[in-house]
Structure formats: C-alpha cells, structure tokens
C-alpha cells in the first residue's frame, strides 16, 4: 500500500501530466489513472483498518473468518461493504470478551 505521502506525490505528478497533456485522449488517460490510484488506495486502506482491528482477536478461526470476508469483498460501497466488515470485527472482538468472562466464571466451555 502506498503511504499517504506517496499517494499525494503520485496524484500531484498525475495532475501535472494532466495539465500538460496535449490531447483530450491523453488528459482523459491521466485523469483515469489518478482515479484508479486513489480508489485502489482507499480499498487498501479499508482492508488495513479491518485487518488492524482483527489483530485484537485471539482465536485463529475468527481471524481466518475475517480474512476470508476481506478476500471475498470486491465491491467498493461504504455502507454495503465496509461497514458490515467493521461491524463483524467489532462484534467478534466483543464476542471473545464475553466468551472469556463466561469461561473464567465456569459458565462456558468449548466442547
């Protein structure tokens, strides 16, 4: 994933190329390139946020579930794609806390 500085530098370079373009076709290509660069960075940033939250999980199976959901999420809609993943990770983190408290009190044991 590009760092914030690298992303801004890349977009700045593309803006200069866009402004210096001599044909409509080349200016359109630079604009598309910039859009793809930004969208790719946003998608990677969203994945990074979810993966960072998932590091708090101690159960390898739950971490695997999160990774699987990230892998099969190919859409780019905030409320339909990103928020459900975020809710999943937050919910699993809270689930583990409850499970740990129940286990410590002898009220839960995995069979």
N, C-alpha and C. Protein backbone atom coordinates (compact mmCIF):
# COMPACT_ATOMS: atom_id res chain seq x y z
N UNK A 1 0.85 -1.18 0.00
CA UNK A 1 0.00 0.00 0.00
C UNK A 1 0.90 1.24 0.00
N UNK A 2 0.53 2.19 -0.80
CA UNK A 2 1.26 3.46 -0.82
C UNK A 2 1.05 4.20 0.49
N UNK A 3 2.10 4.85 0.96
CA UNK A 3 1.92 5.72 2.11
C UNK A 3 1.13 6.96 1.67
N UNK A 4 0.65 7.71 2.63
CA UNK A 4 -0.08 8.94 2.31
C UNK A 4 0.77 9.89 1.48
N UNK A 5 2.04 10.01 1.85
CA UNK A 5 2.95 10.91 1.13
C UNK A 5 3.14 10.43 -0.31
N UNK A 6 3.32 9.11 -0.49
CA UNK A 6 3.50 8.56 -1.84
C UNK A 6 2.25 8.76 -2.69
N UNK A 7 1.08 8.58 -2.07
CA UNK A 7 -0.17 8.78 -2.80
C UNK A 7 -0.30 10.23 -3.26
N UNK A 8 -0.07 11.16 -2.35
CA UNK A 8 -0.18 12.58 -2.70
C UNK A 8 0.82 12.94 -3.79
N UNK A 9 2.05 12.43 -3.69
CA UNK A 9 3.06 12.72 -4.72
C UNK A 9 2.63 12.15 -6.07
N UNK A 10 2.11 10.94 -6.07
CA UNK A 10 1.65 10.32 -7.31
C UNK A 10 0.50 11.12 -7.93
N UNK A 11 -0.46 11.53 -7.09
CA UNK A 11 -1.59 12.32 -7.60
C UNK A 11 -1.13 13.69 -8.09
N UNK A 12 -0.17 14.28 -7.39
CA UNK A 12 0.39 15.56 -7.85
C UNK A 12 1.07 15.40 -9.21
N UNK A 13 1.84 14.33 -9.37
CA UNK A 13 2.51 14.07 -10.64
C UNK A 13 1.49 13.86 -11.76
N UNK A 14 0.43 13.13 -11.47
CA UNK A 14 -0.60 12.90 -12.47
C UNK A 14 -1.35 14.18 -12.81
N UNK A 15 -1.52 15.05 -11.83
CA UNK A 15 -2.17 16.33 -12.11
C UNK A 15 -1.32 17.19 -13.05
N UNK A 16 -0.03 17.20 -12.82
CA UNK A 16 0.87 17.95 -13.71
C UNK A 16 0.81 17.36 -15.12
N UNK A 17 0.84 16.03 -15.20
CA UNK A 17 0.76 15.38 -16.52
C UNK A 17 -0.57 15.69 -17.19
N UNK A 18 -1.63 15.70 -16.40
CA UNK A 18 -2.96 16.02 -16.93
C UNK A 18 -2.99 17.45 -17.48
N UNK A 19 -2.44 18.38 -16.73
CA UNK A 19 -2.44 19.79 -17.14
C UNK A 19 -1.55 20.03 -18.36
N UNK A 20 -0.51 19.22 -18.51
CA UNK A 20 0.40 19.38 -19.64
C UNK A 20 0.02 18.52 -20.84
N UNK A 21 -1.04 17.76 -20.73
CA UNK A 21 -1.44 16.88 -21.83
C UNK A 21 -1.78 17.70 -23.07
N UNK A 22 -1.42 17.16 -24.21
CA UNK A 22 -1.63 17.89 -25.46
C UNK A 22 -2.86 17.42 -26.22
N UNK A 23 -3.44 16.31 -25.80
CA UNK A 23 -4.66 15.82 -26.47
C UNK A 23 -5.71 15.49 -25.42
N UNK A 24 -6.95 15.49 -25.85
CA UNK A 24 -8.05 15.14 -24.95
C UNK A 24 -7.91 13.69 -24.47
N UNK A 25 -7.46 12.83 -25.37
CA UNK A 25 -7.31 11.41 -25.02
C UNK A 25 -6.27 11.24 -23.91
N UNK A 26 -5.13 11.91 -24.04
CA UNK A 26 -4.09 11.75 -23.01
C UNK A 26 -4.52 12.38 -21.69
N UNK A 27 -5.23 13.49 -21.72
CA UNK A 27 -5.70 14.08 -20.46
C UNK A 27 -6.72 13.16 -19.79
N UNK A 28 -7.56 12.52 -20.59
CA UNK A 28 -8.53 11.56 -20.05
C UNK A 28 -7.81 10.37 -19.42
N UNK A 29 -6.75 9.90 -20.06
CA UNK A 29 -5.99 8.77 -19.52
C UNK A 29 -5.33 9.13 -18.18
N UNK A 30 -4.79 10.33 -18.08
CA UNK A 30 -4.18 10.74 -16.81
C UNK A 30 -5.24 10.88 -15.71
N UNK A 31 -6.41 11.38 -16.07
CA UNK A 31 -7.50 11.50 -15.09
C UNK A 31 -7.94 10.12 -14.61
N UNK A 32 -8.07 9.19 -15.54
CA UNK A 32 -8.46 7.82 -15.17
C UNK A 32 -7.40 7.17 -14.29
N UNK A 33 -6.15 7.39 -14.64
CA UNK A 33 -5.06 6.84 -13.85
C UNK A 33 -5.12 7.37 -12.41
N UNK A 34 -5.36 8.65 -12.27
CA UNK A 34 -5.45 9.26 -10.93
C UNK A 34 -6.62 8.67 -10.15
N UNK A 35 -7.74 8.49 -10.82
CA UNK A 35 -8.91 7.92 -10.15
C UNK A 35 -8.65 6.49 -9.70
N UNK A 36 -8.03 5.69 -10.55
CA UNK A 36 -7.70 4.31 -10.19
C UNK A 36 -6.71 4.27 -9.03
N UNK A 37 -5.74 5.16 -9.06
CA UNK A 37 -4.74 5.24 -7.98
C UNK A 37 -5.42 5.53 -6.64
N UNK A 38 -6.31 6.51 -6.64
CA UNK A 38 -7.00 6.90 -5.41
C UNK A 38 -7.94 5.80 -4.93
N UNK A 39 -8.72 5.22 -5.83
CA UNK A 39 -9.66 4.17 -5.44
C UNK A 39 -8.93 2.94 -4.91
N UNK A 40 -7.82 2.58 -5.54
CA UNK A 40 -7.03 1.45 -5.06
C UNK A 40 -6.49 1.71 -3.66
N UNK A 41 -6.04 2.94 -3.44
CA UNK A 41 -5.52 3.28 -2.12
C UNK A 41 -6.63 3.22 -1.07
N UNK A 42 -7.80 3.73 -1.40
CA UNK A 42 -8.92 3.69 -0.45
C UNK A 42 -9.28 2.25 -0.11
N UNK A 43 -9.34 1.39 -1.11
CA UNK A 43 -9.68 -0.02 -0.86
C UNK A 43 -8.63 -0.68 0.03
N UNK A 44 -7.36 -0.42 -0.24
CA UNK A 44 -6.31 -0.99 0.60
C UNK A 44 -6.35 -0.41 2.02
N UNK A 45 -6.68 0.86 2.14
CA UNK A 45 -6.77 1.48 3.46
C UNK A 45 -7.92 0.87 4.27
N UNK A 46 -9.05 0.61 3.60
CA UNK A 46 -10.18 -0.03 4.29
C UNK A 46 -9.78 -1.43 4.77
N UNK A 47 -9.11 -2.19 3.91
CA UNK A 47 -8.65 -3.53 4.30
C UNK A 47 -7.69 -3.45 5.48
N UNK A 48 -6.80 -2.47 5.45
CA UNK A 48 -5.83 -2.29 6.53
C UNK A 48 -6.54 -1.99 7.85
N UNK A 49 -7.56 -1.15 7.81
CA UNK A 49 -8.32 -0.82 9.02
C UNK A 49 -8.96 -2.08 9.60
N UNK A 50 -9.60 -2.87 8.75
CA UNK A 50 -10.25 -4.09 9.21
C UNK A 50 -9.22 -5.07 9.76
N UNK A 51 -8.12 -5.26 9.04
CA UNK A 51 -7.07 -6.17 9.49
C UNK A 51 -6.45 -5.71 10.80
N UNK A 52 -6.29 -4.41 10.98
CA UNK A 52 -5.74 -3.88 12.23
C UNK A 52 -6.68 -4.17 13.39
N UNK A 53 -7.97 -4.01 13.16
CA UNK A 53 -8.94 -4.33 14.21
C UNK A 53 -8.94 -5.82 14.52
N UNK A 54 -8.75 -6.65 13.49
CA UNK A 54 -8.78 -8.10 13.66
C UNK A 54 -7.57 -8.62 14.43
N UNK A 55 -6.49 -7.83 14.52
CA UNK A 55 -5.32 -8.30 15.26
C UNK A 55 -5.63 -8.45 16.75
N UNK A 56 -6.69 -7.82 17.21
CA UNK A 56 -7.08 -7.93 18.62
C UNK A 56 -7.73 -9.28 18.92
N UNK A 57 -8.13 -10.00 17.87
CA UNK A 57 -8.75 -11.31 18.06
C UNK A 57 -7.68 -12.33 18.43
N UNK A 58 -7.99 -13.21 19.38
CA UNK A 58 -7.01 -14.23 19.76
C UNK A 58 -7.32 -15.58 19.10
N UNK A 59 -8.55 -15.80 18.71
CA UNK A 59 -8.96 -17.06 18.08
C UNK A 59 -8.57 -17.06 16.60
N UNK A 60 -7.72 -18.00 16.22
CA UNK A 60 -7.24 -18.08 14.84
C UNK A 60 -8.39 -18.32 13.86
N UNK A 61 -9.40 -19.07 14.27
CA UNK A 61 -10.54 -19.33 13.39
C UNK A 61 -11.31 -18.04 13.10
N UNK A 62 -11.46 -17.20 14.12
CA UNK A 62 -12.16 -15.93 13.92
C UNK A 62 -11.33 -15.00 13.03
N UNK A 63 -10.02 -14.99 13.23
CA UNK A 63 -9.15 -14.19 12.35
C UNK A 63 -9.26 -14.68 10.91
N UNK A 64 -9.32 -16.00 10.74
CA UNK A 64 -9.47 -16.57 9.41
C UNK A 64 -10.78 -16.18 8.76
N UNK A 65 -11.84 -16.14 9.57
CA UNK A 65 -13.15 -15.71 9.06
C UNK A 65 -13.08 -14.28 8.54
N UNK A 66 -12.43 -13.41 9.29
CA UNK A 66 -12.30 -12.00 8.87
C UNK A 66 -11.49 -11.91 7.58
N UNK A 67 -10.37 -12.63 7.51
CA UNK A 67 -9.54 -12.60 6.30
C UNK A 67 -10.33 -13.12 5.09
N UNK A 68 -11.13 -14.15 5.30
CA UNK A 68 -11.94 -14.70 4.21
C UNK A 68 -12.96 -13.67 3.73
N UNK A 69 -13.59 -12.98 4.68
CA UNK A 69 -14.58 -11.95 4.31
C UNK A 69 -13.93 -10.78 3.58
N UNK A 70 -12.72 -10.41 3.98
CA UNK A 70 -11.99 -9.34 3.29
C UNK A 70 -11.67 -9.79 1.86
N UNK A 71 -11.19 -11.02 1.74
CA UNK A 71 -10.78 -11.54 0.43
C UNK A 71 -11.94 -11.57 -0.55
N UNK A 72 -13.12 -11.94 -0.08
CA UNK A 72 -14.27 -12.07 -0.98
C UNK A 72 -15.08 -10.78 -1.12
N UNK A 73 -14.61 -9.72 -0.51
CA UNK A 73 -15.27 -8.42 -0.64
C UNK A 73 -14.61 -7.66 -1.78
N UNK A 74 -15.28 -7.60 -2.90
CA UNK A 74 -14.67 -6.93 -4.05
C UNK A 74 -15.41 -5.65 -4.43
N UNK A 75 -16.43 -5.30 -3.71
CA UNK A 75 -17.19 -4.09 -4.03
C UNK A 75 -16.59 -2.90 -3.29
N UNK A 76 -17.07 -1.74 -3.64
CA UNK A 76 -16.46 -0.51 -3.14
C UNK A 76 -17.55 0.42 -2.60
N UNK A 77 -18.48 -0.13 -1.85
CA UNK A 77 -19.58 0.67 -1.30
C UNK A 77 -19.42 0.72 0.21
N UNK A 78 -19.41 1.92 0.76
CA UNK A 78 -19.12 2.09 2.18
C UNK A 78 -20.14 1.37 3.06
N UNK A 79 -21.43 1.64 2.88
CA UNK A 79 -22.43 1.08 3.79
C UNK A 79 -22.74 -0.39 3.49
N UNK A 80 -22.58 -0.81 2.24
CA UNK A 80 -22.89 -2.20 1.90
C UNK A 80 -21.71 -3.14 2.07
N UNK A 81 -20.49 -2.63 2.08
CA UNK A 81 -19.31 -3.49 2.11
C UNK A 81 -18.38 -3.22 3.30
N UNK A 82 -17.98 -1.97 3.49
CA UNK A 82 -17.02 -1.68 4.54
C UNK A 82 -17.64 -1.76 5.94
N UNK A 83 -18.79 -1.15 6.13
CA UNK A 83 -19.41 -1.15 7.46
C UNK A 83 -19.75 -2.55 7.96
N UNK A 84 -20.28 -3.46 7.11
CA UNK A 84 -20.51 -4.82 7.61
C UNK A 84 -19.23 -5.52 8.06
N UNK A 85 -18.12 -5.29 7.36
CA UNK A 85 -16.85 -5.88 7.78
C UNK A 85 -16.40 -5.30 9.12
N UNK A 86 -16.55 -3.99 9.25
CA UNK A 86 -16.18 -3.35 10.51
C UNK A 86 -17.06 -3.85 11.66
N UNK A 87 -18.34 -3.98 11.40
CA UNK A 87 -19.27 -4.50 12.42
C UNK A 87 -18.91 -5.93 12.79
N UNK A 88 -18.52 -6.73 11.82
CA UNK A 88 -18.12 -8.12 12.08
C UNK A 88 -16.93 -8.15 13.02
N UNK A 89 -15.91 -7.37 12.73
CA UNK A 89 -14.70 -7.39 13.57
C UNK A 89 -14.99 -6.88 14.97
N UNK A 90 -15.75 -5.80 15.07
CA UNK A 90 -16.10 -5.27 16.39
C UNK A 90 -16.92 -6.29 17.16
N UNK A 91 -17.88 -6.90 16.48
CA UNK A 91 -18.72 -7.91 17.12
C UNK A 91 -17.93 -9.12 17.58
N UNK A 92 -17.00 -9.59 16.77
CA UNK A 92 -16.18 -10.74 17.15
C UNK A 92 -15.27 -10.41 18.32
N UNK A 93 -14.77 -9.19 18.36
CA UNK A 93 -13.92 -8.76 19.48
C UNK A 93 -14.74 -8.78 20.77
N UNK A 94 -15.94 -8.24 20.72
CA UNK A 94 -16.81 -8.25 21.91
C UNK A 94 -17.23 -9.67 22.27
N UNK A 95 -17.47 -10.49 21.26
CA UNK A 95 -17.83 -11.90 21.48
C UNK A 95 -16.72 -12.60 22.27
N UNK A 96 -15.47 -12.38 21.87
CA UNK A 96 -14.35 -13.00 22.58
C UNK A 96 -14.28 -12.53 24.03
N UNK A 97 -14.54 -11.25 24.27
CA UNK A 97 -14.52 -10.74 25.65
C UNK A 97 -15.58 -11.42 26.50
N UNK A 98 -16.79 -11.55 25.95
CA UNK A 98 -17.88 -12.22 26.68
C UNK A 98 -17.53 -13.68 26.92
N UNK A 99 -17.02 -14.34 25.88
CA UNK A 99 -16.64 -15.75 25.99
C UNK A 99 -15.57 -15.95 27.07
N UNK A 100 -14.58 -15.05 27.11
CA UNK A 100 -13.52 -15.14 28.12
C UNK A 100 -14.09 -14.98 29.54
N UNK A 101 -15.01 -14.05 29.72
CA UNK A 101 -15.61 -13.84 31.05
C UNK A 101 -16.45 -15.04 31.48
N UNK A 102 -17.20 -15.59 30.53
CA UNK A 102 -18.00 -16.76 30.85
C UNK A 102 -17.13 -17.97 31.16
N UNK A 103 -16.04 -18.12 30.43
CA UNK A 103 -15.11 -19.23 30.68
C UNK A 103 -14.45 -19.08 32.04
N UNK A 104 -14.04 -17.84 32.37
CA UNK A 104 -13.41 -17.59 33.68
C UNK A 104 -14.35 -17.89 34.83
N UNK A 105 -15.65 -17.70 34.61
CA UNK A 105 -16.64 -17.96 35.66
C UNK A 105 -17.18 -19.38 35.62
N UNK A 106 -16.62 -20.20 34.73
CA UNK A 106 -17.06 -21.59 34.63
C UNK A 106 -18.41 -21.76 33.95
N UNK A 107 -18.89 -20.74 33.29
CA UNK A 107 -20.21 -20.80 32.66
C UNK A 107 -20.13 -21.17 31.18
N UNK A 108 -18.92 -21.37 30.67
CA UNK A 108 -18.76 -21.72 29.25
C UNK A 108 -17.54 -22.59 29.11
N UNK A 109 -17.70 -23.63 28.34
CA UNK A 109 -16.54 -24.45 27.99
C UNK A 109 -16.74 -24.96 26.57
N UNK A 110 -15.67 -24.93 25.80
CA UNK A 110 -15.77 -25.42 24.44
C UNK A 110 -15.71 -26.93 24.46
N UNK A 111 -16.64 -27.54 23.71
CA UNK A 111 -16.70 -29.00 23.69
C UNK A 111 -15.73 -29.55 22.69
